[in-house]
Amino acid sequence: MNYERSALVGQWFSSLENNNGEQSTEFADIQADGSFEFTFTHYDSNNQIIEQVIELGDWGLVGDIHFTMTKSEFVNNQHYASDLADADNYQAYKVLALDSNIFKYQHVITQEVFILKRVIDKIGHC
C-alpha cells in the first residue's frame, strides 16, 4: 500500500504502563520539511520522571516504509551528537495503518509494533 507522506506530518502520542505501574510516553513531532523531534519519557509509579530522551533527526515515508535517522539527542537535558556511522541511528518500519487519527507501524527487524494517536492541537469552536 502507498501512503501519502503528508498524512504523517503532525503531532502524535502514545502511552504505555508496565506491570510495576511505571508509565512510558512518546510524543512525536513530525515536520513537513523532513525533520522530527521524538520525546520519550519514563515515569515511576509515583508519576515522577525517571528519564527523558529527546531525539532529533530526519524522517521519510516511501510507499509503506517509514524511516528515521537520528542526528542528535538530549538525555536528561544533556546534549549528545549522534554517530552517523552507527547503524542504530537508522530505523525502518512497515506502515500497517495511517489515517487522520492512528499511525500503526512495525519495525522491519525486531517486528515490534507501535501505535501512535494524533494529537489534536486545534479544538473546534461551537
PDB file of N, CA and C in Angstrom:
ATOM      1  N   MET A   1       0.842  -1.178   0.000  1.00  0.00           N
ATOM      2  CA  MET A   1       0.000   0.000   0.000  1.00  0.00           C
ATOM      3  C   MET A   1       0.887   1.241   0.000  1.00  0.00           C
ATOM      4  N   ASN A   2       0.452   2.259  -0.674  1.00  0.00           N
ATOM      5  CA  ASN A   2       1.155   3.538  -0.690  1.00  0.00           C
ATOM      6  C   ASN A   2       0.443   4.526   0.215  1.00  0.00           C
ATOM      7  N   TYR A   3       1.203   5.154   1.091  1.00  0.00           N
ATOM      8  CA  TYR A   3       0.666   6.167   1.997  1.00  0.00           C
ATOM      9  C   TYR A   3       1.209   7.527   1.597  1.00  0.00           C
ATOM     10  N   GLU A   4       0.365   8.534   1.714  1.00  0.00           N
ATOM     11  CA  GLU A   4       0.783   9.898   1.426  1.00  0.00           C
ATOM     12  C   GLU A   4       1.705  10.390   2.530  1.00  0.00           C
ATOM     13  N   ARG A   5       2.833  10.944   2.139  1.00  0.00           N
ATOM     14  CA  ARG A   5       3.807  11.474   3.094  1.00  0.00           C
ATOM     15  C   ARG A   5       3.168  12.521   3.998  1.00  0.00           C
ATOM     16  N   SER A   6       2.317  13.350   3.433  1.00  0.00           N
ATOM     17  CA  SER A   6       1.682  14.429   4.204  1.00  0.00           C
ATOM     18  C   SER A   6       0.785  13.901   5.321  1.00  0.00           C
ATOM     19  N   ALA A   7       0.316  12.656   5.207  1.00  0.00           N
ATOM     20  CA  ALA A   7      -0.555  12.085   6.241  1.00  0.00           C
ATOM     21  C   ALA A   7       0.185  11.876   7.557  1.00  0.00           C
ATOM     22  N   LEU A   8       1.503  11.802   7.499  1.00  0.00           N
ATOM     23  CA  LEU A   8       2.298  11.557   8.698  1.00  0.00           C
ATOM     24  C   LEU A   8       2.716  12.849   9.403  1.00  0.00           C
ATOM     25  N   VAL A   9       2.624  13.967   8.701  1.00  0.00           N
ATOM     26  CA  VAL A   9       3.033  15.253   9.272  1.00  0.00           C
ATOM     27  C   VAL A   9       2.080  15.637  10.399  1.00  0.00           C
ATOM     28  N   GLY A  10       2.648  16.053  11.519  1.00  0.00           N
ATOM     29  CA  GLY A  10       1.838  16.481  12.657  1.00  0.00           C
ATOM     30  C   GLY A  10       2.412  15.968  13.959  1.00  0.00           C
ATOM     31  N   GLN A  11       1.576  15.983  14.973  1.00  0.00           N
ATOM     32  CA  GLN A  11       1.999  15.565  16.306  1.00  0.00           C
ATOM     33  C   GLN A  11       1.240  14.308  16.705  1.00  0.00           C
ATOM     34  N   TRP A  12       1.989  13.367  17.299  1.00  0.00           N
ATOM     35  CA  TRP A  12       1.468  12.052  17.650  1.00  0.00           C
ATOM     36  C   TRP A  12       1.877  11.711  19.076  1.00  0.00           C
ATOM     37  N   PHE A  13       1.101  10.808  19.721  1.00  0.00           N
ATOM     38  CA  PHE A  13       1.356  10.487  21.129  1.00  0.00           C
ATOM     39  C   PHE A  13       1.009   9.035  21.416  1.00  0.00           C
ATOM     40  N   SER A  14       1.777   8.421  22.318  1.00  0.00           N
ATOM     41  CA  SER A  14       1.412   7.104  22.850  1.00  0.00           C
ATOM     42  C   SER A  14       1.811   7.040  24.314  1.00  0.00           C
ATOM     43  N   SER A  15       1.144   6.152  25.045  1.00  0.00           N
ATOM     44  CA  SER A  15       1.413   5.972  26.467  1.00  0.00           C
ATOM     45  C   SER A  15       1.192   4.508  26.822  1.00  0.00           C
ATOM     46  N   LEU A  16       2.155   3.936  27.538  1.00  0.00           N
ATOM     47  CA  LEU A  16       2.066   2.546  27.979  1.00  0.00           C
ATOM     48  C   LEU A  16       2.424   2.459  29.449  1.00  0.00           C
ATOM     49  N   GLU A  17       1.786   1.526  30.151  1.00  0.00           N
ATOM     50  CA  GLU A  17       2.112   1.294  31.558  1.00  0.00           C
ATOM     51  C   GLU A  17       2.586  -0.142  31.717  1.00  0.00           C
ATOM     52  N   ASN A  18       3.702  -0.333  32.444  1.00  0.00           N
ATOM     53  CA  ASN A  18       4.212  -1.688  32.655  1.00  0.00           C
ATOM     54  C   ASN A  18       3.582  -2.307  33.908  1.00  0.00           C
ATOM     55  N   ASN A  19       3.982  -3.536  34.231  1.00  0.00           N
ATOM     56  CA  ASN A  19       3.410  -4.264  35.374  1.00  0.00           C
ATOM     57  C   ASN A  19       3.740  -3.634  36.716  1.00  0.00           C
ATOM     58  N   ASN A  20       4.776  -2.800  36.775  1.00  0.00           N
ATOM     59  CA  ASN A  20       5.169  -2.133  38.020  1.00  0.00           C
ATOM     60  C   ASN A  20       4.480  -0.790  38.210  1.00  0.00           C
ATOM     61  N   GLY A  21       3.567  -0.442  37.312  1.00  0.00           N
ATOM     62  CA  GLY A  21       2.877   0.837  37.408  1.00  0.00           C
ATOM     63  C   GLY A  21       3.679   2.002  36.868  1.00  0.00           C
ATOM     64  N   GLU A  22       4.791   1.709  36.190  1.00  0.00           N
ATOM     65  CA  GLU A  22       5.596   2.758  35.576  1.00  0.00           C
ATOM     66  C   GLU A  22       5.058   3.044  34.179  1.00  0.00           C
ATOM     67  N   GLN A  23       5.066   4.304  33.811  1.00  0.00           N
ATOM     68  CA  GLN A  23       4.496   4.729  32.539  1.00  0.00           C
ATOM     69  C   GLN A  23       5.593   5.229  31.609  1.00  0.00           C
ATOM     70  N   SER A  24       5.456   4.894  30.332  1.00  0.00           N
ATOM     71  CA  SER A  24       6.340   5.412  29.294  1.00  0.00           C
ATOM     72  C   SER A  24       5.483   6.115  28.262  1.00  0.00           C
ATOM     73  N   THR A  25       5.924   7.307  27.850  1.00  0.00           N
ATOM     74  CA  THR A  25       5.192   8.054  26.838  1.00  0.00           C
ATOM     75  C   THR A  25       6.117   8.399  25.684  1.00  0.00           C
ATOM     76  N   GLU A  26       5.514   8.568  24.525  1.00  0.00           N
ATOM     77  CA  GLU A  26       6.230   9.077  23.358  1.00  0.00           C
ATOM     78  C   GLU A  26       5.414  10.209  22.774  1.00  0.00           C
ATOM     79  N   PHE A  27       6.067  11.328  22.518  1.00  0.00           N
ATOM     80  CA  PHE A  27       5.466  12.449  21.807  1.00  0.00           C
ATOM     81  C   PHE A  27       6.304  12.658  20.558  1.00  0.00           C
ATOM     82  N   ALA A  28       5.676  12.553  19.396  1.00  0.00           N
ATOM     83  CA  ALA A  28       6.382  12.680  18.123  1.00  0.00           C
ATOM     84  C   ALA A  28       5.895  13.920  17.395  1.00  0.00           C
ATOM     85  N   ASP A  29       6.824  14.797  17.051  1.00  0.00           N
ATOM     86  CA  ASP A  29       6.530  15.989  16.263  1.00  0.00           C
ATOM     87  C   ASP A  29       7.208  15.795  14.911  1.00  0.00           C
ATOM     88  N   ILE A  30       6.404  15.520  13.890  1.00  0.00           N
ATOM     89  CA  ILE A  30       6.908  15.180  12.565  1.00  0.00           C
ATOM     90  C   ILE A  30       6.607  16.343  11.625  1.00  0.00           C
ATOM     91  N   GLN A  31       7.645  16.954  11.097  1.00  0.00           N
ATOM     92  CA  GLN A  31       7.515  18.162  10.290  1.00  0.00           C
ATOM     93  C   GLN A  31       7.535  17.860   8.790  1.00  0.00           C
ATOM     94  N   ALA A  32       6.878  18.718   8.010  1.00  0.00           N
ATOM     95  CA  ALA A  32       6.805  18.558   6.560  1.00  0.00           C
ATOM     96  C   ALA A  32       8.169  18.679   5.888  1.00  0.00           C
ATOM     97  N   ASP A  33       9.117  19.373   6.523  1.00  0.00           N
ATOM     98  CA  ASP A  33      10.451  19.543   5.935  1.00  0.00           C
ATOM     99  C   ASP A  33      11.338  18.311   6.105  1.00  0.00           C
ATOM    100  N   GLY A  34      10.802  17.243   6.679  1.00  0.00           N
ATOM    101  CA  GLY A  34      11.556  16.003   6.848  1.00  0.00           C
ATOM    102  C   GLY A  34      12.271  15.881   8.174  1.00  0.00           C
ATOM    103  N   SER A  35      12.060  16.837   9.073  1.00  0.00           N
ATOM    104  CA  SER A  35      12.692  16.756  10.393  1.00  0.00           C
ATOM    105  C   SER A  35      11.712  16.181  11.414  1.00  0.00           C
ATOM    106  N   PHE A  36      12.262  15.645  12.496  1.00  0.00           N
ATOM    107  CA  PHE A  36      11.412  15.151  13.578  1.00  0.00           C
ATOM    108  C   PHE A  36      12.028  15.482  14.921  1.00  0.00           C
ATOM    109  N   GLU A  37      11.158  15.494  15.931  1.00  0.00           N
ATOM    110  CA  GLU A  37      11.574  15.538  17.330  1.00  0.00           C
ATOM    111  C   GLU A  37      10.719  14.522  18.061  1.00  0.00           C
ATOM    112  N   PHE A  38      11.362  13.486  18.614  1.00  0.00           N
ATOM    113  CA  PHE A  38      10.673  12.456  19.383  1.00  0.00           C
ATOM    114  C   PHE A  38      11.069  12.621  20.842  1.00  0.00           C
ATOM    115  N   THR A  39      10.084  12.703  21.727  1.00  0.00           N
ATOM    116  CA  THR A  39      10.352  12.807  23.161  1.00  0.00           C
ATOM    117  C   THR A  39       9.841  11.550  23.843  1.00  0.00           C
ATOM    118  N   PHE A  40      10.757  10.805  24.452  1.00  0.00           N
ATOM    119  CA  PHE A  40      10.436   9.589  25.190  1.00  0.00           C
ATOM    120  C   PHE A  40      10.621   9.885  26.674  1.00  0.00           C
ATOM    121  N   THR A  41       9.562   9.687  27.463  1.00  0.00           N
ATOM    122  CA  THR A  41       9.628   9.973  28.893  1.00  0.00           C
ATOM    123  C   THR A  41       9.209   8.729  29.660  1.00  0.00           C
ATOM    124  N   HIS A  42      10.002   8.390  30.675  1.00  0.00           N
ATOM    125  CA  HIS A  42       9.720   7.228  31.525  1.00  0.00           C
ATOM    126  C   HIS A  42       9.455   7.743  32.938  1.00  0.00           C
ATOM    127  N   TYR A  43       8.290   7.360  33.492  1.00  0.00           N
ATOM    128  CA  TYR A  43       7.867   7.807  34.822  1.00  0.00           C
ATOM    129  C   TYR A  43       7.849   6.628  35.782  1.00  0.00           C
ATOM    130  N   ASP A  44       8.132   6.896  37.062  1.00  0.00           N
ATOM    131  CA  ASP A  44       7.990   5.850  38.071  1.00  0.00           C
ATOM    132  C   ASP A  44       6.521   5.741  38.482  1.00  0.00           C
ATOM    133  N   SER A  45       6.223   4.843  39.413  1.00  0.00           N
ATOM    134  CA  SER A  45       4.829   4.611  39.825  1.00  0.00           C
ATOM    135  C   SER A  45       4.223   5.803  40.559  1.00  0.00           C
ATOM    136  N   ASN A  46       5.055   6.762  40.979  1.00  0.00           N
ATOM    137  CA  ASN A  46       4.564   7.994  41.611  1.00  0.00           C
ATOM    138  C   ASN A  46       4.471   9.143  40.617  1.00  0.00           C
ATOM    139  N   ASN A  47       4.580   8.823  39.326  1.00  0.00           N
ATOM    140  CA  ASN A  47       4.479   9.793  38.239  1.00  0.00           C
ATOM    141  C   ASN A  47       5.626  10.807  38.228  1.00  0.00           C
ATOM    142  N   GLN A  48       6.772  10.413  38.779  1.00  0.00           N
ATOM    143  CA  GLN A  48       7.974  11.248  38.732  1.00  0.00           C
ATOM    144  C   GLN A  48       8.823  10.798  37.539  1.00  0.00           C
ATOM    145  N   ILE A  49       9.409  11.752  36.832  1.00  0.00           N
ATOM    146  CA  ILE A  49      10.217  11.416  35.663  1.00  0.00           C
ATOM    147  C   ILE A  49      11.496  10.697  36.090  1.00  0.00           C
ATOM    148  N   ILE A  50      11.698   9.514  35.524  1.00  0.00           N
ATOM    149  CA  ILE A  50      12.924   8.751  35.732  1.00  0.00           C
ATOM    150  C   ILE A  50      13.952   9.160  34.679  1.00  0.00           C
ATOM    151  N   GLU A  51      13.501   9.226  33.431  1.00  0.00           N
ATOM    152  CA  GLU A  51      14.395   9.585  32.334  1.00  0.00           C
ATOM    153  C   GLU A  51      13.589  10.213  31.211  1.00  0.00           C
ATOM    154  N   GLN A  52      14.208  11.180  30.542  1.00  0.00           N
ATOM    155  CA  GLN A  52      13.606  11.774  29.354  1.00  0.00           C
ATOM    156  C   GLN A  52      14.675  11.849  28.269  1.00  0.00           C
ATOM    157  N   VAL A  53      14.322  11.333  27.096  1.00  0.00           N
ATOM    158  CA  VAL A  53      15.223  11.346  25.948  1.00  0.00           C
ATOM    159  C   VAL A  53      14.504  12.051  24.807  1.00  0.00           C
ATOM    160  N   ILE A  54      15.165  13.041  24.220  1.00  0.00           N
ATOM    161  CA  ILE A  54      14.627  13.748  23.061  1.00  0.00           C
ATOM    162  C   ILE A  54      15.554  13.458  21.892  1.00  0.00           C
ATOM    163  N   GLU A  55      14.994  12.868  20.837  1.00  0.00           N
ATOM    164  CA  GLU A  55      15.768  12.569  19.635  1.00  0.00           C
ATOM    165  C   GLU A  55      15.394  13.561  18.546  1.00  0.00           C
ATOM    166  N   LEU A  56      16.396  14.040  17.825  1.00  0.00           N
ATOM    167  CA  LEU A  56      16.197  14.953  16.703  1.00  0.00           C
ATOM    168  C   LEU A  56      16.805  14.319  15.465  1.00  0.00           C
ATOM    169  N   GLY A  57      16.126  14.465  14.330  1.00  0.00           N
ATOM    170  CA  GLY A  57      16.676  13.889  13.115  1.00  0.00           C
ATOM    171  C   GLY A  57      15.788  14.114  11.919  1.00  0.00           C
ATOM    172  N   ASP A  58      15.939  13.235  10.945  1.00  0.00           N
ATOM    173  CA  ASP A  58      15.196  13.306   9.690  1.00  0.00           C
ATOM    174  C   ASP A  58      14.350  12.045   9.527  1.00  0.00           C
ATOM    175  N   TRP A  59      13.267  12.184   8.776  1.00  0.00           N
ATOM    176  CA  TRP A  59      12.363  11.068   8.547  1.00  0.00           C
ATOM    177  C   TRP A  59      11.945  11.065   7.078  1.00  0.00           C
ATOM    178  N   GLY A  60      11.351   9.958   6.668  1.00  0.00           N
ATOM    179  CA  GLY A  60      10.779   9.862   5.337  1.00  0.00           C
ATOM    180  C   GLY A  60       9.718   8.783   5.304  1.00  0.00           C
ATOM    181  N   LEU A  61       8.920   8.819   4.267  1.00  0.00           N
ATOM    182  CA  LEU A  61       7.880   7.811   4.039  1.00  0.00           C
ATOM    183  C   LEU A  61       7.820   7.558   2.542  1.00  0.00           C
ATOM    184  N   VAL A  62       8.100   6.313   2.151  1.00  0.00           N
ATOM    185  CA  VAL A  62       8.046   5.919   0.754  1.00  0.00           C
ATOM    186  C   VAL A  62       7.179   4.676   0.673  1.00  0.00           C
ATOM    187  N   GLY A  63       6.054   4.783  -0.025  1.00  0.00           N
ATOM    188  CA  GLY A  63       5.129   3.657  -0.098  1.00  0.00           C
ATOM    189  C   GLY A  63       4.602   3.332   1.278  1.00  0.00           C
ATOM    190  N   ASP A  64       4.967   2.153   1.792  1.00  0.00           N
ATOM    191  CA  ASP A  64       4.553   1.781   3.147  1.00  0.00           C
ATOM    192  C   ASP A  64       5.766   1.623   4.074  1.00  0.00           C
ATOM    193  N   ILE A  65       6.881   2.241   3.712  1.00  0.00           N
ATOM    194  CA  ILE A  65       8.085   2.195   4.548  1.00  0.00           C
ATOM    195  C   ILE A  65       8.354   3.579   5.140  1.00  0.00           C
ATOM    196  N   HIS A  66       8.370   3.629   6.465  1.00  0.00           N
ATOM    197  CA  HIS A  66       8.698   4.843   7.223  1.00  0.00           C
ATOM    198  C   HIS A  66      10.110   4.645   7.760  1.00  0.00           C
ATOM    199  N   PHE A  67      10.951   5.664   7.622  1.00  0.00           N
ATOM    200  CA  PHE A  67      12.323   5.530   8.109  1.00  0.00           C
ATOM    201  C   PHE A  67      12.752   6.786   8.852  1.00  0.00           C
ATOM    202  N   THR A  68      13.686   6.599   9.785  1.00  0.00           N
ATOM    203  CA  THR A  68      14.208   7.714  10.567  1.00  0.00           C
ATOM    204  C   THR A  68      15.731   7.635  10.632  1.00  0.00           C
ATOM    205  N   MET A  69      16.331   8.807  10.791  1.00  0.00           N
ATOM    206  CA  MET A  69      17.767   8.922  11.007  1.00  0.00           C
ATOM    207  C   MET A  69      17.949   9.898  12.162  1.00  0.00           C
ATOM    208  N   THR A  70      18.414   9.396  13.304  1.00  0.00           N
ATOM    209  CA  THR A  70      18.616  10.241  14.481  1.00  0.00           C
ATOM    210  C   THR A  70      19.970  10.923  14.380  1.00  0.00           C
ATOM    211  N   LYS A  71      19.945  12.273  14.445  1.00  0.00           N
ATOM    212  CA  LYS A  71      21.176  13.058  14.300  1.00  0.00           C
ATOM    213  C   LYS A  71      21.730  13.546  15.633  1.00  0.00           C
ATOM    214  N   SER A  72      20.860  13.713  16.618  1.00  0.00           N
ATOM    215  CA  SER A  72      21.322  14.112  17.955  1.00  0.00           C
ATOM    216  C   SER A  72      20.241  13.771  18.958  1.00  0.00           C
ATOM    217  N   GLU A  73      20.624  13.790  20.233  1.00  0.00           N
ATOM    218  CA  GLU A  73      19.647  13.523  21.278  1.00  0.00           C
ATOM    219  C   GLU A  73      20.030  14.249  22.553  1.00  0.00           C
ATOM    220  N   PHE A  74      19.000  14.487  23.333  1.00  0.00           N
ATOM    221  CA  PHE A  74      19.162  15.035  24.676  1.00  0.00           C
ATOM    222  C   PHE A  74      18.711  13.952  25.642  1.00  0.00           C
ATOM    223  N   VAL A  75      19.574  13.572  26.569  1.00  0.00           N
ATOM    224  CA  VAL A  75      19.225  12.603  27.603  1.00  0.00           C
ATOM    225  C   VAL A  75      19.291  13.342  28.926  1.00  0.00           C
ATOM    226  N   ASN A  76      18.118  13.490  29.565  1.00  0.00           N
ATOM    227  CA  ASN A  76      18.020  14.255  30.817  1.00  0.00           C
ATOM    228  C   ASN A  76      18.729  15.606  30.689  1.00  0.00           C
ATOM    229  N   ASN A  77      18.414  16.315  29.608  1.00  0.00           N
ATOM    230  CA  ASN A  77      18.899  17.673  29.303  1.00  0.00           C
ATOM    231  C   ASN A  77      20.368  17.751  28.899  1.00  0.00           C
ATOM    232  N   GLN A  78      21.052  16.633  28.756  1.00  0.00           N
ATOM    233  CA  GLN A  78      22.444  16.627  28.290  1.00  0.00           C
ATOM    234  C   GLN A  78      22.448  16.304  26.795  1.00  0.00           C
ATOM    235  N   HIS A  79      23.054  17.174  25.963  1.00  0.00           N
ATOM    236  CA  HIS A  79      23.050  17.000  24.514  1.00  0.00           C
ATOM    237  C   HIS A  79      24.174  16.073  24.055  1.00  0.00           C
ATOM    238  N   TYR A  80      23.831  15.197  23.116  1.00  0.00           N
ATOM    239  CA  TYR A  80      24.796  14.290  22.509  1.00  0.00           C
ATOM    240  C   TYR A  80      24.588  14.296  20.998  1.00  0.00           C
ATOM    241  N   ALA A  81      25.648  14.487  20.242  1.00  0.00           N
ATOM    242  CA  ALA A  81      25.573  14.347  18.791  1.00  0.00           C
ATOM    243  C   ALA A  81      25.589  12.856  18.467  1.00  0.00           C
ATOM    244  N   SER A  82      24.788  12.458  17.497  1.00  0.00           N
ATOM    245  CA  SER A  82      24.750  11.046  17.114  1.00  0.00           C
ATOM    246  C   SER A  82      25.933  10.707  16.224  1.00  0.00           C
ATOM    247  N   ASP A  83      26.401   9.491  16.349  1.00  0.00           N
ATOM    248  CA  ASP A  83      27.430   8.969  15.462  1.00  0.00           C
ATOM    249  C   ASP A  83      26.707   8.457  14.222  1.00  0.00           C
ATOM    250  N   LEU A  84      26.793   9.205  13.124  1.00  0.00           N
ATOM    251  CA  LEU A  84      26.045   8.840  11.927  1.00  0.00           C
ATOM    252  C   LEU A  84      26.598   7.596  11.235  1.00  0.00           C
ATOM    253  N   ALA A  85      27.735   7.084  11.699  1.00  0.00           N
ATOM    254  CA  ALA A  85      28.259   5.813  11.197  1.00  0.00           C
ATOM    255  C   ALA A  85      27.684   4.625  11.967  1.00  0.00           C
ATOM    256  N   ASP A  86      26.950   4.898  13.042  1.00  0.00           N
ATOM    257  CA  ASP A  86      26.357   3.854  13.882  1.00  0.00           C
ATOM    258  C   ASP A  86      25.003   3.445  13.302  1.00  0.00           C
ATOM    259  N   ALA A  87      24.880   2.197  12.918  1.00  0.00           N
ATOM    260  CA  ALA A  87      23.648   1.695  12.298  1.00  0.00           C
ATOM    261  C   ALA A  87      22.429   1.845  13.199  1.00  0.00           C
ATOM    262  N   ASP A  88      22.617   1.899  14.524  1.00  0.00           N
ATOM    263  CA  ASP A  88      21.489   2.035  15.447  1.00  0.00           C
ATOM    264  C   ASP A  88      20.785   3.384  15.329  1.00  0.00           C
ATOM    265  N   ASN A  89      21.389   4.340  14.645  1.00  0.00           N
ATOM    266  CA  ASN A  89      20.757   5.646  14.460  1.00  0.00           C
ATOM    267  C   ASN A  89      19.855   5.693  13.232  1.00  0.00           C
ATOM    268  N   TYR A  90      19.722   4.571  12.538  1.00  0.00           N
ATOM    269  CA  TYR A  90      18.865   4.455  11.363  1.00  0.00           C
ATOM    270  C   TYR A  90      17.828   3.372  11.635  1.00  0.00           C
ATOM    271  N   GLN A  91      16.563   3.700  11.432  1.00  0.00           N
ATOM    272  CA  GLN A  91      15.494   2.738  11.692  1.00  0.00           C
ATOM    273  C   GLN A  91      14.536   2.716  10.505  1.00  0.00           C
ATOM    274  N   ALA A  92      13.937   1.560  10.254  1.00  0.00           N
ATOM    275  CA  ALA A  92      12.948   1.417   9.187  1.00  0.00           C
ATOM    276  C   ALA A  92      11.756   0.631   9.721  1.00  0.00           C
ATOM    277  N   TYR A  93      10.574   1.042   9.275  1.00  0.00           N
ATOM    278  CA  TYR A  93       9.324   0.471   9.764  1.00  0.00           C
ATOM    279  C   TYR A  93       8.364   0.253   8.601  1.00  0.00           C
ATOM    280  N   LYS A  94       7.575  -0.807   8.684  1.00  0.00           N
ATOM    281  CA  LYS A  94       6.481  -1.022   7.735  1.00  0.00           C
ATOM    282  C   LYS A  94       5.236  -0.376   8.323  1.00  0.00           C
ATOM    283  N   VAL A  95       4.597   0.479   7.547  1.00  0.00           N
ATOM    284  CA  VAL A  95       3.368   1.132   7.998  1.00  0.00           C
ATOM    285  C   VAL A  95       2.224   0.134   7.858  1.00  0.00           C
ATOM    286  N   LEU A  96       1.543  -0.130   8.968  1.00  0.00           N
ATOM    287  CA  LEU A  96       0.405  -1.051   8.980  1.00  0.00           C
ATOM    288  C   LEU A  96      -0.910  -0.307   8.835  1.00  0.00           C
ATOM    289  N   ALA A  97      -0.971   0.921   9.353  1.00  0.00           N
ATOM    290  CA  ALA A  97      -2.170   1.761   9.235  1.00  0.00           C
ATOM    291  C   ALA A  97      -1.753   3.211   9.433  1.00  0.00           C
ATOM    292  N   LEU A  98      -2.345   4.087   8.648  1.00  0.00           N
ATOM    293  CA  LEU A  98      -2.091   5.517   8.785  1.00  0.00           C
ATOM    294  C   LEU A  98      -3.306   6.267   8.278  1.00  0.00           C
ATOM    295  N   ASP A  99      -3.955   6.969   9.204  1.00  0.00           N
ATOM    296  CA  ASP A  99      -5.069   7.823   8.816  1.00  0.00           C
ATOM    297  C   ASP A  99      -5.026   9.087   9.670  1.00  0.00           C
ATOM    298  N   SER A 100      -6.097   9.822   9.708  1.00  0.00           N
ATOM    299  CA  SER A 100      -6.093  11.104  10.420  1.00  0.00           C
ATOM    300  C   SER A 100      -6.006  10.948  11.933  1.00  0.00           C
ATOM    301  N   ASN A 101      -6.182   9.727  12.454  1.00  0.00           N
ATOM    302  CA  ASN A 101      -6.168   9.508  13.901  1.00  0.00           C
ATOM    303  C   ASN A 101      -5.093   8.556  14.405  1.00  0.00           C
ATOM    304  N   ILE A 102      -4.736   7.553  13.613  1.00  0.00           N
ATOM    305  CA  ILE A 102      -3.867   6.461  14.069  1.00  0.00           C
ATOM    306  C   ILE A 102      -2.680   6.277  13.124  1.00  0.00           C
ATOM    307  N   PHE A 103      -1.514   6.047  13.717  1.00  0.00           N
ATOM    308  CA  PHE A 103      -0.312   5.662  12.981  1.00  0.00           C
ATOM    309  C   PHE A 103       0.193   4.375  13.625  1.00  0.00           C
ATOM    310  N   LYS A 104       0.045   3.265  12.905  1.00  0.00           N
ATOM    311  CA  LYS A 104       0.465   1.956  13.402  1.00  0.00           C
ATOM    312  C   LYS A 104       1.575   1.450  12.488  1.00  0.00           C
ATOM    313  N   TYR A 105       2.698   1.062  13.084  1.00  0.00           N
ATOM    314  CA  TYR A 105       3.842   0.662  12.280  1.00  0.00           C
ATOM    315  C   TYR A 105       4.651  -0.418  12.986  1.00  0.00           C
ATOM    316  N   GLN A 106       5.422  -1.166  12.192  1.00  0.00           N
ATOM    317  CA  GLN A 106       6.168  -2.316  12.704  1.00  0.00           C
ATOM    318  C   GLN A 106       7.632  -2.213  12.286  1.00  0.00           C
ATOM    319  N   HIS A 107       8.534  -2.369  13.259  1.00  0.00           N
ATOM    320  CA  HIS A 107       9.970  -2.324  12.969  1.00  0.00           C
ATOM    321  C   HIS A 107      10.321  -3.490  12.047  1.00  0.00           C
ATOM    322  N   VAL A 108      11.063  -3.226  10.988  1.00  0.00           N
ATOM    323  CA  VAL A 108      11.325  -4.269   9.997  1.00  0.00           C
ATOM    324  C   VAL A 108      12.254  -5.369  10.505  1.00  0.00           C
ATOM    325  N   ILE A 109      13.055  -5.104  11.524  1.00  0.00           N
ATOM    326  CA  ILE A 109      13.956  -6.132  12.056  1.00  0.00           C
ATOM    327  C   ILE A 109      13.370  -6.799  13.301  1.00  0.00           C
ATOM    328  N   THR A 110      12.988  -6.005  14.304  1.00  0.00           N
ATOM    329  CA  THR A 110      12.515  -6.581  15.571  1.00  0.00           C
ATOM    330  C   THR A 110      11.070  -7.049  15.505  1.00  0.00           C
ATOM    331  N   GLN A 111      10.315  -6.569  14.530  1.00  0.00           N
ATOM    332  CA  GLN A 111       8.889  -6.872  14.361  1.00  0.00           C
ATOM    333  C   GLN A 111       8.013  -6.239  15.448  1.00  0.00           C
ATOM    334  N   GLU A 112       8.599  -5.412  16.312  1.00  0.00           N
ATOM    335  CA  GLU A 112       7.817  -4.736  17.349  1.00  0.00           C
ATOM    336  C   GLU A 112       6.835  -3.764  16.694  1.00  0.00           C
ATOM    337  N   VAL A 113       5.600  -3.755  17.197  1.00  0.00           N
ATOM    338  CA  VAL A 113       4.544  -2.898  16.651  1.00  0.00           C
ATOM    339  C   VAL A 113       4.322  -1.715  17.583  1.00  0.00           C
ATOM    340  N   PHE A 114       4.180  -0.541  16.989  1.00  0.00           N
ATOM    341  CA  PHE A 114       3.946   0.698  17.726  1.00  0.00           C
ATOM    342  C   PHE A 114       2.656   1.325  17.228  1.00  0.00           C
ATOM    343  N   ILE A 115       1.917   1.953  18.131  1.00  0.00           N
ATOM    344  CA  ILE A 115       0.688   2.654  17.764  1.00  0.00           C
ATOM    345  C   ILE A 115       0.723   4.041  18.384  1.00  0.00           C
ATOM    346  N   LEU A 116       0.612   5.052  17.541  1.00  0.00           N
ATOM    347  CA  LEU A 116       0.544   6.436  17.991  1.00  0.00           C
ATOM    348  C   LEU A 116      -0.812   7.004  17.607  1.00  0.00           C
ATOM    349  N   LYS A 117      -1.306   7.917  18.426  1.00  0.00           N
ATOM    350  CA  LYS A 117      -2.562   8.611  18.135  1.00  0.00           C
ATOM    351  C   LYS A 117      -2.257  10.075  17.867  1.00  0.00           C
ATOM    352  N   ARG A 118      -2.961  10.630  16.892  1.00  0.00           N
ATOM    353  CA  ARG A 118      -2.736  12.030  16.532  1.00  0.00           C
ATOM    354  C   ARG A 118      -3.153  12.947  17.678  1.00  0.00           C
ATOM    355  N   VAL A 119      -2.338  13.961  17.899  1.00  0.00           N
ATOM    356  CA  VAL A 119      -2.649  14.995  18.879  1.00  0.00           C
ATOM    357  C   VAL A 119      -3.405  16.093  18.146  1.00  0.00           C
ATOM    358  N   ILE A 120      -4.577  16.412  18.642  1.00  0.00           N
ATOM    359  CA  ILE A 120      -5.376  17.480  18.042  1.00  0.00           C
ATOM    360  C   ILE A 120      -4.997  18.781  18.719  1.00  0.00           C
ATOM    361  N   ASP A 121      -4.436  19.698  17.931  1.00  0.00           N
ATOM    362  CA  ASP A 121      -3.982  20.954  18.522  1.00  0.00           C
ATOM    363  C   ASP A 121      -4.957  22.104  18.319  1.00  0.00           C
ATOM    364  N   LYS A 122      -5.987  21.890  17.501  1.00  0.00           N
ATOM    365  CA  LYS A 122      -6.968  22.945  17.272  1.00  0.00           C
ATOM    366  C   LYS A 122      -8.351  22.389  17.578  1.00  0.00           C
ATOM    367  N   ILE A 123      -8.878  22.774  18.693  1.00  0.00           N
ATOM    368  CA  ILE A 123     -10.210  22.331  19.097  1.00  0.00           C
ATOM    369  C   ILE A 123     -11.235  23.229  18.409  1.00  0.00           C
ATOM    370  N   GLY A 124     -12.251  22.617  17.825  1.00  0.00           N
ATOM    371  CA  GLY A 124     -13.288  23.388  17.146  1.00  0.00           C
ATOM    372  C   GLY A 124     -14.118  24.208  18.117  1.00  0.00           C
ATOM    373  N   HIS A 125     -14.611  25.312  17.622  1.00  0.00           N
ATOM    374  CA  HIS A 125     -15.469  26.179  18.431  1.00  0.00           C
ATOM    375  C   HIS A 125     -16.924  25.943  18.055  1.00  0.00           C
ATOM    376  N   CYS A 126     -17.788  25.916  19.056  1.00  0.00           N
ATOM    377  CA  CYS A 126     -19.216  25.691  18.814  1.00  0.00           C
ATOM    378  C   CYS A 126     -19.912  27.002  18.531  1.00  0.00           C
TER     379      CYS A 126
END
